[in-house]
């Protein structure tokens, strides 16, 4: 058996002709090899878990800030090589603090998880939805024809988040302020696009209408 410190994860099987593998030394060797294989597998699993923890948000399972910046840089590189367009959406959940204050942080965490799922359902699998922290999310949309494509995704997100969330048997309603930045019109690098999308989101929140 391949046994790690946490569990049995499989078995090492040796195929041999009858009578050629029967001594105590042979069995000890097989047990030694099985132990080494189990250790190697466990280390690989631990390494994968550490990489995942470093790149993904623990609460929502979405890419975190670090992985988002990596994907944004790669998306910008592809867009520049193709001389195409891409969009960055900055999504902020309005009045999220009230949920934490009235229903508690556990309810707020459940709401964030549901929001993450809905955001993922509004984009293609080639796009990226990430959580920057708190109630702030970003969406990278690649290969768009123009601003209208990004606006369509933003409206789809707004409509999805307007639908009631059932959190602990309590229906919750929320709205999102969304800022949109288009590459290359609104910026040619990550910082410029983020600033533009963040500014557009804030203007929409202050003015009470989507931007």
N, C-alpha and C. Protein backbone atom coordinates (compact mmCIF):
# COMPACT_ATOMS: atom_id res chain seq x y z
N UNK A 1 0.82 -1.21 0.00
CA UNK A 1 0.00 0.00 0.00
C UNK A 1 0.86 1.26 0.00
N UNK A 2 0.37 2.30 -0.70
CA UNK A 2 1.00 3.62 -0.69
C UNK A 2 0.32 4.44 0.40
N UNK A 3 1.00 4.63 1.52
CA UNK A 3 0.39 5.27 2.69
C UNK A 3 1.13 6.56 2.99
N UNK A 4 0.39 7.67 3.02
CA UNK A 4 0.95 8.96 3.41
C UNK A 4 0.60 9.21 4.87
N UNK A 5 0.98 10.38 5.36
CA UNK A 5 0.65 10.71 6.74
C UNK A 5 -0.84 10.93 6.93
N UNK A 6 -1.54 11.17 5.82
CA UNK A 6 -2.96 11.48 5.93
C UNK A 6 -3.86 10.32 5.57
N UNK A 7 -3.43 9.49 4.60
CA UNK A 7 -4.36 8.46 4.11
C UNK A 7 -3.61 7.47 3.23
N UNK A 8 -4.28 6.36 2.94
CA UNK A 8 -3.79 5.44 1.92
C UNK A 8 -4.24 5.95 0.57
N UNK A 9 -3.30 6.11 -0.36
CA UNK A 9 -3.64 6.75 -1.63
C UNK A 9 -3.56 5.79 -2.82
N UNK A 10 -3.20 4.54 -2.56
CA UNK A 10 -3.12 3.60 -3.67
C UNK A 10 -2.28 2.40 -3.30
N UNK A 11 -1.78 1.71 -4.31
CA UNK A 11 -0.97 0.51 -4.06
C UNK A 11 0.10 0.40 -5.13
N UNK A 12 1.25 -0.13 -4.74
CA UNK A 12 2.32 -0.44 -5.68
C UNK A 12 2.26 -1.94 -5.96
N UNK A 13 2.14 -2.27 -7.23
CA UNK A 13 1.98 -3.68 -7.61
C UNK A 13 3.19 -4.12 -8.43
N UNK A 14 3.79 -5.23 -8.04
CA UNK A 14 4.91 -5.79 -8.78
C UNK A 14 4.45 -7.06 -9.49
N UNK A 15 4.68 -7.09 -10.78
CA UNK A 15 4.32 -8.28 -11.55
C UNK A 15 5.58 -9.14 -11.74
N UNK A 16 5.52 -10.40 -11.31
CA UNK A 16 6.68 -11.29 -11.41
C UNK A 16 6.21 -12.72 -11.62
N UNK A 17 7.09 -13.51 -12.19
CA UNK A 17 6.76 -14.93 -12.36
C UNK A 17 6.69 -15.61 -11.00
N UNK A 18 5.90 -16.65 -10.92
CA UNK A 18 5.73 -17.38 -9.66
C UNK A 18 7.07 -17.87 -9.14
N UNK A 19 7.30 -17.65 -7.85
CA UNK A 19 8.50 -18.16 -7.20
C UNK A 19 9.71 -17.27 -7.33
N UNK A 20 9.63 -16.16 -8.10
CA UNK A 20 10.80 -15.29 -8.27
C UNK A 20 10.81 -14.12 -7.29
N UNK A 21 9.73 -13.97 -6.53
CA UNK A 21 9.64 -12.84 -5.61
C UNK A 21 9.00 -13.34 -4.33
N UNK A 22 9.81 -13.86 -3.44
CA UNK A 22 9.20 -14.49 -2.27
C UNK A 22 10.03 -14.33 -1.00
N UNK A 23 11.22 -13.76 -1.11
CA UNK A 23 12.07 -13.66 0.07
C UNK A 23 11.70 -12.44 0.91
N UNK A 24 12.12 -12.45 2.16
CA UNK A 24 11.86 -11.33 3.06
C UNK A 24 12.54 -10.06 2.56
N UNK A 25 13.76 -10.22 1.99
CA UNK A 25 14.46 -9.05 1.48
C UNK A 25 13.70 -8.42 0.32
N UNK A 26 13.10 -9.28 -0.52
CA UNK A 26 12.30 -8.76 -1.64
C UNK A 26 11.12 -7.95 -1.12
N UNK A 27 10.46 -8.46 -0.12
CA UNK A 27 9.31 -7.76 0.44
C UNK A 27 9.73 -6.45 1.10
N UNK A 28 10.85 -6.48 1.80
CA UNK A 28 11.35 -5.25 2.43
C UNK A 28 11.68 -4.20 1.37
N UNK A 29 12.26 -4.67 0.25
CA UNK A 29 12.59 -3.74 -0.83
C UNK A 29 11.32 -3.13 -1.42
N UNK A 30 10.31 -3.95 -1.62
CA UNK A 30 9.06 -3.47 -2.17
C UNK A 30 8.40 -2.46 -1.23
N UNK A 31 8.43 -2.75 0.07
CA UNK A 31 7.87 -1.82 1.05
C UNK A 31 8.63 -0.49 1.06
N UNK A 32 9.97 -0.57 0.92
CA UNK A 32 10.78 0.64 0.87
C UNK A 32 10.42 1.49 -0.35
N UNK A 33 10.33 0.83 -1.51
CA UNK A 33 9.98 1.56 -2.72
C UNK A 33 8.59 2.18 -2.60
N UNK A 34 7.63 1.44 -2.03
CA UNK A 34 6.27 1.95 -1.86
C UNK A 34 6.27 3.19 -0.97
N UNK A 35 7.08 3.16 0.08
CA UNK A 35 7.18 4.30 0.98
C UNK A 35 7.72 5.52 0.25
N UNK A 36 8.77 5.33 -0.57
CA UNK A 36 9.36 6.45 -1.31
C UNK A 36 8.37 7.02 -2.33
N UNK A 37 7.64 6.14 -3.00
CA UNK A 37 6.64 6.60 -3.97
C UNK A 37 5.56 7.41 -3.25
N UNK A 38 5.09 6.92 -2.10
CA UNK A 38 4.06 7.63 -1.35
C UNK A 38 4.55 9.01 -0.92
N UNK A 39 5.79 9.09 -0.47
CA UNK A 39 6.36 10.38 -0.06
C UNK A 39 6.42 11.34 -1.25
N UNK A 40 6.84 10.84 -2.41
CA UNK A 40 6.93 11.69 -3.60
C UNK A 40 5.56 12.20 -4.03
N UNK A 41 4.55 11.31 -3.98
CA UNK A 41 3.20 11.71 -4.34
C UNK A 41 2.68 12.75 -3.35
N UNK A 42 2.91 12.53 -2.07
CA UNK A 42 2.44 13.46 -1.05
C UNK A 42 3.09 14.83 -1.21
N UNK A 43 4.37 14.85 -1.52
CA UNK A 43 5.06 16.13 -1.72
C UNK A 43 4.49 16.85 -2.94
N UNK A 44 4.19 16.09 -3.99
CA UNK A 44 3.59 16.69 -5.18
C UNK A 44 2.23 17.29 -4.88
N UNK A 45 1.44 16.56 -4.09
CA UNK A 45 0.12 17.07 -3.71
C UNK A 45 0.24 18.33 -2.85
N UNK A 46 1.19 18.32 -1.91
CA UNK A 46 1.41 19.48 -1.06
C UNK A 46 1.85 20.68 -1.87
N UNK A 47 2.75 20.43 -2.82
CA UNK A 47 3.22 21.53 -3.68
C UNK A 47 2.06 22.11 -4.48
N UNK A 48 1.20 21.25 -5.02
CA UNK A 48 0.04 21.72 -5.78
C UNK A 48 -0.91 22.51 -4.89
N UNK A 49 -1.09 22.07 -3.66
CA UNK A 49 -1.96 22.79 -2.73
C UNK A 49 -1.39 24.17 -2.40
N UNK A 50 -0.07 24.24 -2.22
CA UNK A 50 0.56 25.52 -1.91
C UNK A 50 0.45 26.49 -3.09
N UNK A 51 0.65 25.97 -4.30
CA UNK A 51 0.51 26.81 -5.49
C UNK A 51 -0.91 27.32 -5.62
N UNK A 52 -1.88 26.43 -5.39
CA UNK A 52 -3.28 26.83 -5.48
C UNK A 52 -3.61 27.88 -4.42
N UNK A 53 -3.13 27.69 -3.21
CA UNK A 53 -3.39 28.65 -2.13
C UNK A 53 -2.78 30.01 -2.43
N UNK A 54 -1.66 30.01 -3.14
CA UNK A 54 -0.99 31.27 -3.47
C UNK A 54 -1.66 32.02 -4.60
N UNK A 55 -2.47 31.32 -5.39
CA UNK A 55 -3.05 31.92 -6.59
C UNK A 55 -4.56 32.10 -6.55
N UNK A 56 -5.24 31.42 -5.64
CA UNK A 56 -6.70 31.45 -5.64
C UNK A 56 -7.24 31.92 -4.29
N UNK A 57 -8.35 32.63 -4.37
CA UNK A 57 -9.02 33.13 -3.17
C UNK A 57 -9.63 31.97 -2.40
N UNK A 58 -9.34 31.90 -1.13
CA UNK A 58 -9.79 30.76 -0.32
C UNK A 58 -11.30 30.71 -0.20
N UNK A 59 -11.95 31.86 -0.12
CA UNK A 59 -13.40 31.89 0.10
C UNK A 59 -14.19 31.53 -1.16
N UNK A 60 -13.86 32.15 -2.28
CA UNK A 60 -14.66 31.98 -3.49
C UNK A 60 -14.08 30.99 -4.49
N UNK A 61 -12.79 30.66 -4.35
CA UNK A 61 -12.15 29.80 -5.32
C UNK A 61 -11.76 30.51 -6.61
N UNK A 62 -11.98 31.82 -6.68
CA UNK A 62 -11.61 32.59 -7.86
C UNK A 62 -10.12 32.94 -7.82
N UNK A 63 -9.53 33.25 -8.96
CA UNK A 63 -8.16 33.77 -8.95
C UNK A 63 -8.05 34.96 -8.00
N UNK A 64 -6.95 35.05 -7.26
CA UNK A 64 -6.76 36.16 -6.36
C UNK A 64 -6.04 37.31 -7.07
N UNK A 65 -5.68 38.33 -6.32
CA UNK A 65 -5.05 39.52 -6.91
C UNK A 65 -3.77 39.15 -7.67
N UNK A 66 -2.96 38.28 -7.08
CA UNK A 66 -1.69 37.91 -7.71
C UNK A 66 -1.91 37.24 -9.06
N UNK A 67 -2.78 36.23 -9.10
CA UNK A 67 -3.02 35.51 -10.35
C UNK A 67 -3.74 36.41 -11.35
N UNK A 68 -4.61 37.29 -10.86
CA UNK A 68 -5.30 38.23 -11.75
C UNK A 68 -4.29 39.08 -12.52
N UNK A 69 -3.31 39.63 -11.82
CA UNK A 69 -2.31 40.48 -12.48
C UNK A 69 -1.52 39.68 -13.51
N UNK A 70 -1.22 38.43 -13.20
CA UNK A 70 -0.51 37.59 -14.17
C UNK A 70 -1.35 37.37 -15.42
N UNK A 71 -2.63 37.07 -15.22
CA UNK A 71 -3.52 36.83 -16.37
C UNK A 71 -3.78 38.10 -17.16
N UNK A 72 -3.87 39.23 -16.46
CA UNK A 72 -4.08 40.50 -17.16
C UNK A 72 -2.88 40.83 -18.04
N UNK A 73 -1.68 40.63 -17.51
CA UNK A 73 -0.47 40.88 -18.31
C UNK A 73 -0.44 39.98 -19.55
N UNK A 74 -0.80 38.71 -19.36
CA UNK A 74 -0.81 37.80 -20.52
C UNK A 74 -1.89 38.19 -21.53
N UNK A 75 -3.06 38.58 -21.02
CA UNK A 75 -4.14 38.99 -21.91
C UNK A 75 -3.75 40.24 -22.70
N UNK A 76 -3.10 41.18 -22.04
CA UNK A 76 -2.64 42.39 -22.73
C UNK A 76 -1.61 42.05 -23.80
N UNK A 77 -0.72 41.13 -23.49
CA UNK A 77 0.27 40.71 -24.48
C UNK A 77 -0.38 40.10 -25.71
N UNK A 78 -1.37 39.25 -25.49
CA UNK A 78 -2.07 38.64 -26.63
C UNK A 78 -2.82 39.70 -27.44
N UNK A 79 -3.46 40.63 -26.75
CA UNK A 79 -4.22 41.67 -27.43
C UNK A 79 -3.31 42.56 -28.27
N UNK A 80 -2.14 42.88 -27.74
CA UNK A 80 -1.19 43.72 -28.48
C UNK A 80 -0.64 43.00 -29.70
N UNK A 81 -0.33 41.71 -29.54
CA UNK A 81 0.21 40.96 -30.68
C UNK A 81 -0.82 40.84 -31.80
N UNK A 82 -2.08 40.69 -31.42
CA UNK A 82 -3.14 40.53 -32.41
C UNK A 82 -3.68 41.86 -32.90
N UNK A 83 -3.22 42.94 -32.27
CA UNK A 83 -3.75 44.27 -32.55
C UNK A 83 -5.27 44.28 -32.40
N UNK A 84 -5.70 43.62 -31.32
CA UNK A 84 -7.13 43.51 -31.06
C UNK A 84 -7.56 44.35 -29.87
N UNK A 85 -8.68 43.99 -29.31
CA UNK A 85 -9.24 44.70 -28.18
C UNK A 85 -9.58 43.72 -27.07
N UNK A 86 -9.53 44.21 -25.86
CA UNK A 86 -9.97 43.45 -24.69
C UNK A 86 -10.56 44.44 -23.70
N UNK A 87 -11.31 43.92 -22.74
CA UNK A 87 -11.98 44.78 -21.76
C UNK A 87 -11.66 44.32 -20.35
N UNK A 88 -11.64 45.30 -19.46
CA UNK A 88 -11.48 45.04 -18.04
C UNK A 88 -12.68 45.64 -17.32
N UNK A 89 -13.38 44.81 -16.56
CA UNK A 89 -14.55 45.26 -15.79
C UNK A 89 -14.21 45.25 -14.30
N UNK A 90 -14.47 46.35 -13.64
CA UNK A 90 -14.25 46.47 -12.20
C UNK A 90 -15.63 46.45 -11.54
N UNK A 91 -15.89 45.42 -10.73
CA UNK A 91 -17.22 45.20 -10.16
C UNK A 91 -17.18 45.40 -8.65
N UNK A 92 -18.00 46.30 -8.16
CA UNK A 92 -18.09 46.56 -6.72
C UNK A 92 -19.54 46.35 -6.28
N UNK A 93 -19.73 45.59 -5.21
CA UNK A 93 -21.08 45.28 -4.74
C UNK A 93 -21.57 46.40 -3.82
N UNK A 94 -22.66 47.03 -4.21
CA UNK A 94 -23.20 48.15 -3.44
C UNK A 94 -23.77 47.67 -2.10
N UNK A 95 -23.51 48.44 -1.06
CA UNK A 95 -24.09 48.20 0.27
C UNK A 95 -23.80 46.82 0.83
N UNK A 96 -22.70 46.21 0.42
CA UNK A 96 -22.36 44.89 0.95
C UNK A 96 -22.15 44.95 2.46
N UNK A 97 -21.62 46.06 2.93
CA UNK A 97 -21.33 46.20 4.35
C UNK A 97 -22.58 46.00 5.20
N UNK A 98 -23.74 46.39 4.66
CA UNK A 98 -24.99 46.24 5.41
C UNK A 98 -25.31 44.77 5.69
N UNK A 99 -24.93 43.90 4.75
CA UNK A 99 -25.18 42.47 4.95
C UNK A 99 -24.38 41.98 6.14
N UNK A 100 -23.10 42.32 6.17
CA UNK A 100 -22.26 41.92 7.31
C UNK A 100 -22.78 42.50 8.62
N UNK A 101 -23.21 43.76 8.58
CA UNK A 101 -23.65 44.43 9.81
C UNK A 101 -24.97 43.88 10.34
N UNK A 102 -25.86 43.48 9.42
CA UNK A 102 -27.19 43.04 9.85
C UNK A 102 -27.31 41.53 10.02
N UNK A 103 -26.64 40.77 9.15
CA UNK A 103 -26.78 39.31 9.17
C UNK A 103 -25.52 38.58 9.64
N UNK A 104 -24.41 39.31 9.75
CA UNK A 104 -23.18 38.69 10.21
C UNK A 104 -22.24 38.33 9.07
N UNK A 105 -20.99 38.10 9.44
CA UNK A 105 -19.97 37.82 8.44
C UNK A 105 -20.17 36.47 7.75
N UNK A 106 -20.77 35.51 8.42
CA UNK A 106 -21.02 34.21 7.79
C UNK A 106 -21.96 34.37 6.60
N UNK A 107 -23.01 35.18 6.79
CA UNK A 107 -23.93 35.45 5.69
C UNK A 107 -23.24 36.21 4.58
N UNK A 108 -22.38 37.16 4.96
CA UNK A 108 -21.63 37.90 3.96
C UNK A 108 -20.73 37.01 3.15
N UNK A 109 -20.10 36.03 3.79
CA UNK A 109 -19.24 35.09 3.06
C UNK A 109 -20.05 34.25 2.08
N UNK A 110 -21.22 33.79 2.52
CA UNK A 110 -22.08 33.01 1.62
C UNK A 110 -22.51 33.84 0.42
N UNK A 111 -22.81 35.11 0.68
CA UNK A 111 -23.22 35.99 -0.41
C UNK A 111 -22.08 36.17 -1.42
N UNK A 112 -20.87 36.36 -0.94
CA UNK A 112 -19.73 36.51 -1.83
C UNK A 112 -19.51 35.26 -2.67
N UNK A 113 -19.71 34.10 -2.07
CA UNK A 113 -19.56 32.85 -2.82
C UNK A 113 -20.60 32.75 -3.93
N UNK A 114 -21.84 33.15 -3.62
CA UNK A 114 -22.90 33.10 -4.64
C UNK A 114 -22.64 34.13 -5.73
N UNK A 115 -22.15 35.31 -5.35
CA UNK A 115 -21.83 36.33 -6.34
C UNK A 115 -20.74 35.82 -7.28
N UNK A 116 -19.73 35.17 -6.71
CA UNK A 116 -18.65 34.62 -7.54
C UNK A 116 -19.19 33.62 -8.55
N UNK A 117 -20.12 32.77 -8.11
CA UNK A 117 -20.69 31.78 -9.02
C UNK A 117 -21.48 32.46 -10.15
N UNK A 118 -22.22 33.48 -9.80
CA UNK A 118 -23.01 34.17 -10.83
C UNK A 118 -22.11 34.91 -11.82
N UNK A 119 -21.06 35.52 -11.31
CA UNK A 119 -20.13 36.20 -12.21
C UNK A 119 -19.52 35.21 -13.20
N UNK A 120 -19.15 34.04 -12.70
CA UNK A 120 -18.58 33.02 -13.56
C UNK A 120 -19.55 32.56 -14.64
N UNK A 121 -20.84 32.61 -14.33
CA UNK A 121 -21.85 32.20 -15.29
C UNK A 121 -22.15 33.25 -16.34
N UNK A 122 -21.59 34.45 -16.19
CA UNK A 122 -21.86 35.54 -17.12
C UNK A 122 -20.78 35.70 -18.19
N UNK A 123 -19.71 34.92 -18.09
CA UNK A 123 -18.60 35.08 -19.03
C UNK A 123 -18.25 33.74 -19.67
N UNK A 124 -17.38 33.81 -20.67
CA UNK A 124 -16.92 32.60 -21.34
C UNK A 124 -15.83 31.94 -20.51
N UNK A 125 -15.55 30.67 -20.81
CA UNK A 125 -14.52 29.97 -20.05
C UNK A 125 -13.13 30.53 -20.32
N UNK A 126 -12.95 31.23 -21.44
CA UNK A 126 -11.65 31.82 -21.75
C UNK A 126 -11.42 33.14 -21.03
N UNK A 127 -12.47 33.71 -20.44
CA UNK A 127 -12.35 34.95 -19.71
C UNK A 127 -11.96 34.66 -18.26
N UNK A 128 -11.65 35.70 -17.52
CA UNK A 128 -11.21 35.55 -16.13
C UNK A 128 -12.07 36.39 -15.20
N UNK A 129 -12.57 35.76 -14.15
CA UNK A 129 -13.22 36.48 -13.05
C UNK A 129 -12.33 36.30 -11.83
N UNK A 130 -11.95 37.39 -11.19
CA UNK A 130 -11.06 37.34 -10.04
C UNK A 130 -11.62 38.19 -8.91
N UNK A 131 -11.20 37.87 -7.70
CA UNK A 131 -11.58 38.66 -6.53
C UNK A 131 -10.35 39.39 -6.03
N UNK A 132 -10.45 40.72 -5.99
CA UNK A 132 -9.33 41.52 -5.50
C UNK A 132 -9.30 41.55 -3.99
N UNK A 133 -10.46 41.38 -3.37
CA UNK A 133 -10.57 41.45 -1.92
C UNK A 133 -11.88 42.10 -1.53
N UNK A 134 -12.37 41.79 -0.34
CA UNK A 134 -13.64 42.37 0.10
C UNK A 134 -14.75 42.04 -0.87
N UNK A 135 -15.46 43.07 -1.31
CA UNK A 135 -16.55 42.87 -2.27
C UNK A 135 -16.18 43.41 -3.65
N UNK A 136 -14.89 43.41 -3.96
CA UNK A 136 -14.42 43.92 -5.24
C UNK A 136 -13.97 42.76 -6.14
N UNK A 137 -14.53 42.73 -7.34
CA UNK A 137 -14.21 41.71 -8.32
C UNK A 137 -13.77 42.38 -9.62
N UNK A 138 -13.02 41.65 -10.43
CA UNK A 138 -12.63 42.14 -11.75
C UNK A 138 -12.85 41.04 -12.77
N UNK A 139 -13.13 41.47 -13.99
CA UNK A 139 -13.39 40.53 -15.08
C UNK A 139 -12.55 40.92 -16.27
N UNK A 140 -11.80 39.98 -16.81
CA UNK A 140 -11.02 40.19 -18.02
C UNK A 140 -11.75 39.53 -19.18
N UNK A 141 -12.09 40.33 -20.21
CA UNK A 141 -12.80 39.80 -21.37
C UNK A 141 -11.90 39.99 -22.59
N UNK A 142 -11.47 38.91 -23.18
CA UNK A 142 -10.56 38.99 -24.32
C UNK A 142 -11.31 38.92 -25.65
N UNK A 143 -10.62 39.39 -26.68
CA UNK A 143 -11.11 39.29 -28.07
C UNK A 143 -12.51 39.86 -28.24
N UNK A 144 -12.67 41.14 -27.95
CA UNK A 144 -13.96 41.80 -28.18
C UNK A 144 -13.85 42.64 -29.45
N UNK A 145 -15.01 42.94 -30.04
CA UNK A 145 -15.02 43.76 -31.24
C UNK A 145 -15.00 45.25 -30.90
N UNK A 146 -15.59 45.59 -29.76
CA UNK A 146 -15.65 46.99 -29.38
C UNK A 146 -16.31 47.17 -28.03
N UNK A 147 -16.49 48.42 -27.59
CA UNK A 147 -17.08 48.71 -26.28
C UNK A 147 -18.46 48.09 -26.08
N UNK A 148 -19.21 47.92 -27.17
CA UNK A 148 -20.56 47.37 -27.04
C UNK A 148 -20.53 45.95 -26.47
N UNK A 149 -19.51 45.18 -26.82
CA UNK A 149 -19.40 43.82 -26.29
C UNK A 149 -19.19 43.85 -24.78
N UNK A 150 -18.32 44.74 -24.32
CA UNK A 150 -18.08 44.86 -22.88
C UNK A 150 -19.32 45.36 -22.15
N UNK A 151 -20.02 46.31 -22.76
CA UNK A 151 -21.23 46.83 -22.15
C UNK A 151 -22.29 45.75 -22.02
N UNK A 152 -22.34 44.86 -23.01
CA UNK A 152 -23.31 43.76 -22.97
C UNK A 152 -23.00 42.81 -21.81
N UNK A 153 -21.73 42.51 -21.59
CA UNK A 153 -21.34 41.64 -20.47
C UNK A 153 -21.65 42.34 -19.15
N UNK A 154 -21.35 43.64 -19.06
CA UNK A 154 -21.62 44.39 -17.83
C UNK A 154 -23.11 44.37 -17.51
N UNK A 155 -23.94 44.53 -18.52
CA UNK A 155 -25.39 44.51 -18.29
C UNK A 155 -25.85 43.12 -17.88
N UNK A 156 -25.26 42.10 -18.45
CA UNK A 156 -25.60 40.73 -18.07
C UNK A 156 -25.26 40.49 -16.60
N UNK A 157 -24.11 41.01 -16.16
CA UNK A 157 -23.72 40.87 -14.75
C UNK A 157 -24.69 41.61 -13.85
N UNK A 158 -25.03 42.85 -14.21
CA UNK A 158 -25.98 43.62 -13.39
C UNK A 158 -27.30 42.87 -13.24
N UNK A 159 -27.81 42.38 -14.35
CA UNK A 159 -29.09 41.67 -14.31
C UNK A 159 -29.00 40.42 -13.45
N UNK A 160 -27.89 39.69 -13.56
CA UNK A 160 -27.73 38.47 -12.78
C UNK A 160 -27.69 38.77 -11.29
N UNK A 161 -26.98 39.83 -10.91
CA UNK A 161 -26.84 40.15 -9.49
C UNK A 161 -28.08 40.80 -8.91
N UNK A 162 -28.98 41.29 -9.77
CA UNK A 162 -30.23 41.87 -9.27
C UNK A 162 -31.20 40.80 -8.80
N UNK A 163 -31.01 39.57 -9.28
CA UNK A 163 -31.89 38.49 -8.86
C UNK A 163 -31.61 38.15 -7.40
N UNK A 164 -32.67 37.88 -6.64
CA UNK A 164 -32.54 37.67 -5.19
C UNK A 164 -31.62 36.49 -4.87
N UNK A 165 -30.83 36.66 -3.83
CA UNK A 165 -29.99 35.58 -3.30
C UNK A 165 -30.68 34.99 -2.08
N UNK A 166 -30.72 33.67 -1.99
CA UNK A 166 -31.29 33.02 -0.82
C UNK A 166 -30.14 32.65 0.12
N UNK A 167 -29.94 33.43 1.14
CA UNK A 167 -28.86 33.22 2.10
C UNK A 167 -29.46 32.89 3.46
N UNK A 168 -29.28 31.63 3.87
CA UNK A 168 -29.84 31.23 5.15
C UNK A 168 -31.35 31.37 5.21
N UNK A 169 -32.00 31.14 4.08
CA UNK A 169 -33.45 31.25 4.05
C UNK A 169 -33.96 32.67 3.94
N UNK A 170 -33.04 33.64 3.88
CA UNK A 170 -33.43 35.05 3.78
C UNK A 170 -33.11 35.56 2.38
N UNK A 171 -34.11 36.09 1.66
CA UNK A 171 -33.83 36.62 0.32
C UNK A 171 -33.08 37.95 0.42
N UNK A 172 -31.96 38.04 -0.27
CA UNK A 172 -31.16 39.26 -0.27
C UNK A 172 -31.10 39.83 -1.68
N UNK A 173 -31.20 41.13 -1.77
CA UNK A 173 -31.09 41.81 -3.06
C UNK A 173 -29.87 42.71 -3.03
N UNK A 174 -29.15 42.72 -4.13
CA UNK A 174 -27.96 43.56 -4.19
C UNK A 174 -27.81 44.13 -5.59
N UNK A 175 -27.01 45.15 -5.68
CA UNK A 175 -26.71 45.77 -6.96
C UNK A 175 -25.21 45.93 -7.09
N UNK A 176 -24.76 46.05 -8.31
CA UNK A 176 -23.33 46.19 -8.57
C UNK A 176 -23.04 47.47 -9.33
N UNK A 177 -21.98 48.15 -8.94
CA UNK A 177 -21.45 49.26 -9.72
C UNK A 177 -20.30 48.70 -10.55
N UNK A 178 -20.33 48.94 -11.85
CA UNK A 178 -19.35 48.33 -12.75
C UNK A 178 -18.68 49.41 -13.59
N UNK A 179 -17.36 49.42 -13.54
CA UNK A 179 -16.59 50.30 -14.40
C UNK A 179 -15.93 49.50 -15.50
N UNK A 180 -15.91 50.07 -16.70
CA UNK A 180 -15.38 49.36 -17.87
C UNK A 180 -14.21 50.14 -18.47
N UNK A 181 -13.16 49.42 -18.80
CA UNK A 181 -12.02 50.01 -19.51
C UNK A 181 -11.70 49.12 -20.71
N UNK A 182 -11.42 49.75 -21.84
CA UNK A 182 -11.15 49.03 -23.08
C UNK A 182 -9.70 49.23 -23.49
N UNK A 183 -9.03 48.14 -23.82
CA UNK A 183 -7.69 48.23 -24.39
C UNK A 183 -7.80 48.17 -25.91
N UNK A 184 -7.16 49.10 -26.64
CA UNK A 184 -6.16 50.06 -26.16
C UNK A 184 -6.68 51.47 -25.91
N UNK A 185 -7.98 51.72 -26.17
CA UNK A 185 -8.48 53.09 -26.10
C UNK A 185 -8.29 53.73 -24.72
N UNK A 186 -8.54 52.96 -23.65
CA UNK A 186 -8.49 53.51 -22.30
C UNK A 186 -7.16 53.26 -21.60
N UNK A 187 -6.23 52.64 -22.27
CA UNK A 187 -4.93 52.36 -21.66
C UNK A 187 -4.25 51.20 -22.35
N UNK A 188 -2.94 51.25 -22.34
CA UNK A 188 -2.16 50.21 -23.00
C UNK A 188 -1.43 49.30 -22.03
N UNK A 189 -1.51 49.61 -20.73
CA UNK A 189 -0.88 48.74 -19.74
C UNK A 189 -1.86 48.46 -18.61
N UNK A 190 -1.47 47.53 -17.74
CA UNK A 190 -2.38 47.06 -16.69
C UNK A 190 -2.78 48.18 -15.73
N UNK A 191 -1.82 48.99 -15.32
CA UNK A 191 -2.11 50.05 -14.36
C UNK A 191 -3.10 51.05 -14.93
N UNK A 192 -2.91 51.45 -16.18
CA UNK A 192 -3.81 52.42 -16.79
C UNK A 192 -5.22 51.87 -16.91
N UNK A 193 -5.34 50.60 -17.30
CA UNK A 193 -6.67 50.01 -17.43
C UNK A 193 -7.37 49.88 -16.08
N UNK A 194 -6.62 49.47 -15.06
CA UNK A 194 -7.20 49.35 -13.73
C UNK A 194 -7.68 50.69 -13.21
N UNK A 195 -6.88 51.73 -13.39
CA UNK A 195 -7.26 53.06 -12.92
C UNK A 195 -8.50 53.55 -13.64
N UNK A 196 -8.54 53.32 -14.94
CA UNK A 196 -9.70 53.75 -15.72
C UNK A 196 -10.97 53.01 -15.31
N UNK A 197 -10.87 51.69 -15.15
CA UNK A 197 -12.05 50.90 -14.77
C UNK A 197 -12.50 51.26 -13.36
N UNK A 198 -11.55 51.45 -12.45
CA UNK A 198 -11.89 51.82 -11.08
C UNK A 198 -12.54 53.19 -11.03
N UNK A 199 -12.01 54.13 -11.80
CA UNK A 199 -12.58 55.48 -11.84
C UNK A 199 -13.99 55.47 -12.41
N UNK A 200 -14.21 54.69 -13.48
CA UNK A 200 -15.54 54.60 -14.08
C UNK A 200 -16.52 53.96 -13.11
N UNK A 201 -16.06 52.94 -12.36
CA UNK A 201 -16.93 52.30 -11.37
C UNK A 201 -17.32 53.29 -10.27
N UNK A 202 -16.35 54.06 -9.80
CA UNK A 202 -16.62 55.02 -8.73
C UNK A 202 -17.56 56.13 -9.20
N UNK A 203 -17.38 56.60 -10.42
CA UNK A 203 -18.27 57.62 -10.96
C UNK A 203 -19.70 57.10 -11.06
N UNK A 204 -19.83 55.86 -11.51
CA UNK A 204 -21.16 55.27 -11.59
C UNK A 204 -21.81 55.14 -10.23
N UNK A 205 -21.02 54.80 -9.21
CA UNK A 205 -21.55 54.64 -7.86
C UNK A 205 -21.99 56.00 -7.30
N UNK A 206 -21.17 57.03 -7.53
CA UNK A 206 -21.49 58.37 -7.01
C UNK A 206 -22.71 58.96 -7.71
N UNK A 207 -22.77 58.79 -9.03
CA UNK A 207 -23.85 59.35 -9.79
C UNK A 207 -25.11 58.50 -9.78
N UNK A 208 -24.96 57.26 -9.28
CA UNK A 208 -26.13 56.39 -9.16
C UNK A 208 -26.57 55.79 -10.47
N UNK A 209 -25.69 55.72 -11.42
CA UNK A 209 -26.05 55.09 -12.70
C UNK A 209 -24.85 54.35 -13.22
N UNK A 210 -25.05 53.30 -14.05
CA UNK A 210 -23.93 52.52 -14.56
C UNK A 210 -23.11 53.34 -15.53
N UNK A 211 -21.76 53.03 -15.55
CA UNK A 211 -20.86 53.68 -16.47
C UNK A 211 -20.14 52.61 -17.30
